[in-house]
Protein backbone atom coordinates (compact mmCIF):
# COMPACT_ATOMS: atom_id res chain seq x y z
CA MET A 1 68.15 118.80 76.09
CA GLU A 2 71.86 119.32 76.48
CA ILE A 3 74.03 116.30 75.74
CA LEU A 4 77.66 116.28 76.78
CA HIS A 5 80.01 113.69 75.30
CA ILE A 6 82.87 112.72 77.59
CA ASP A 7 85.60 111.41 75.30
CA LEU A 8 87.67 108.81 77.11
CA GLY A 9 88.50 106.58 74.18
CA SER A 10 86.96 103.15 74.69
CA HIS A 11 85.44 104.35 77.99
CA SER A 12 83.58 107.36 76.54
CA TYR A 13 80.07 108.19 77.73
CA THR A 14 77.37 110.83 77.43
CA ILE A 15 75.66 113.00 80.02
CA HIS A 16 72.07 114.12 79.37
CA ILE A 17 70.88 117.33 81.07
CA ASP A 18 67.22 118.34 80.92
CA SER A 19 64.16 118.91 83.06
CA GLY A 20 61.70 116.03 83.34
CA LEU A 21 64.25 113.34 82.48
CA LEU A 22 63.06 110.98 85.20
CA THR A 23 59.58 110.81 83.69
CA ASN A 24 60.96 109.60 80.36
CA LEU A 25 64.15 107.96 81.57
CA PRO A 26 63.49 104.45 80.21
CA SER A 27 62.93 105.80 76.70
CA TYR A 28 66.23 107.72 76.83
CA LEU A 29 68.27 104.82 78.12
CA GLY A 30 66.96 101.94 76.06
CA SER A 31 66.74 98.37 77.21
CA ALA A 32 68.89 96.20 79.42
CA GLU A 33 68.68 92.81 81.07
CA ALA A 34 68.71 94.55 84.45
CA TRP A 35 69.40 98.00 85.84
CA VAL A 36 71.35 99.11 88.90
CA VAL A 37 70.67 102.67 90.02
CA ILE A 38 73.36 104.08 92.31
CA THR A 39 72.43 107.24 94.18
CA ASP A 40 72.86 108.88 97.57
CA GLU A 41 70.37 109.47 100.38
CA VAL A 42 69.74 113.09 99.42
CA VAL A 43 68.99 112.42 95.75
CA ASP A 44 67.01 109.30 96.61
CA GLY A 45 64.85 111.34 98.99
CA LEU A 46 64.14 113.85 96.23
CA TYR A 47 63.74 111.58 93.21
CA GLY A 48 63.84 107.93 94.29
CA GLN A 49 60.10 107.33 94.39
CA GLU A 50 59.52 109.12 91.06
CA LEU A 51 62.23 107.02 89.46
CA VAL A 52 60.67 103.74 90.62
CA GLU A 53 57.15 104.82 89.61
CA ASN A 54 58.18 105.76 86.08
CA TRP A 55 60.34 102.73 85.42
CA ASN A 56 58.46 99.93 83.73
CA HIS A 57 61.05 97.23 84.32
CA ASN A 58 60.96 94.41 86.85
CA ARG A 59 64.74 94.19 87.22
CA VAL A 60 65.62 97.58 88.65
CA HIS A 61 67.86 97.49 91.70
CA LYS A 62 68.75 100.55 93.73
CA ILE A 63 71.86 101.13 95.81
CA VAL A 64 71.54 104.14 98.11
CA LEU A 65 74.77 105.46 99.61
CA PRO A 66 75.24 107.87 102.51
CA ALA A 67 76.00 111.36 101.20
CA GLY A 68 79.33 112.92 102.06
CA GLU A 69 83.06 112.71 101.62
CA GLU A 70 83.47 109.85 104.12
CA THR A 71 81.66 107.53 101.67
CA LYS A 72 84.33 108.06 98.99
CA ASN A 73 86.49 105.03 99.77
CA LEU A 74 87.34 101.52 98.62
CA GLN A 75 85.01 99.96 101.19
CA THR A 76 82.08 101.66 99.45
CA VAL A 77 83.26 100.37 96.07
CA GLU A 78 83.45 96.84 97.51
CA GLU A 79 79.95 97.22 98.97
CA ILE A 80 78.56 98.34 95.60
CA LEU A 81 80.22 95.44 93.77
CA ARG A 82 79.01 92.93 96.38
CA LYS A 83 75.43 94.17 96.03
CA MET A 84 75.65 94.03 92.24
CA LEU A 85 76.81 90.41 92.43
CA ASN A 86 73.94 89.61 94.80
CA PHE A 87 71.50 91.23 92.35
CA GLY A 88 72.81 88.87 89.67
CA VAL A 89 73.79 91.57 87.20
CA THR A 90 75.64 90.56 84.05
CA ARG A 91 77.47 92.35 81.27
CA ARG A 92 74.04 92.86 79.67
CA SER A 93 72.97 94.93 82.67
CA ARG A 94 73.39 98.68 82.90
CA VAL A 95 74.36 100.99 85.74
CA LEU A 96 72.80 104.43 86.17
CA ALA A 97 74.63 106.89 88.44
CA LEU A 98 71.94 109.31 89.63
CA GLY A 99 73.36 112.42 91.24
CA GLY A 100 76.70 114.02 91.86
CA GLY A 101 79.03 114.06 94.82
CA VAL A 102 79.89 110.58 96.02
CA VAL A 103 77.95 108.98 93.14
CA GLY A 104 79.62 111.03 90.43
CA ASP A 105 83.08 110.71 91.90
């Protein structure tokens, strides 16, 4: 597995790159009160079902965004935040960005 560390001071994070990650994703990520998976329609179509099947957690919420540049706007950010509030996430919840493009940006 390749692990990239993105050093942004107090906002640093890691990126894990490997085949078969979805199968073992919960063991890589650890525990959380709840999870919010943010992805786009393309990635969800490819991996969404596998992700849900391999996740052994009853508080997994998925936000699926339309793919494409037109989704990269403040309205989308507001929609994501509104959904997260409706899910009841807290600071003990975690967010998983699954994919690139609109999700990564």
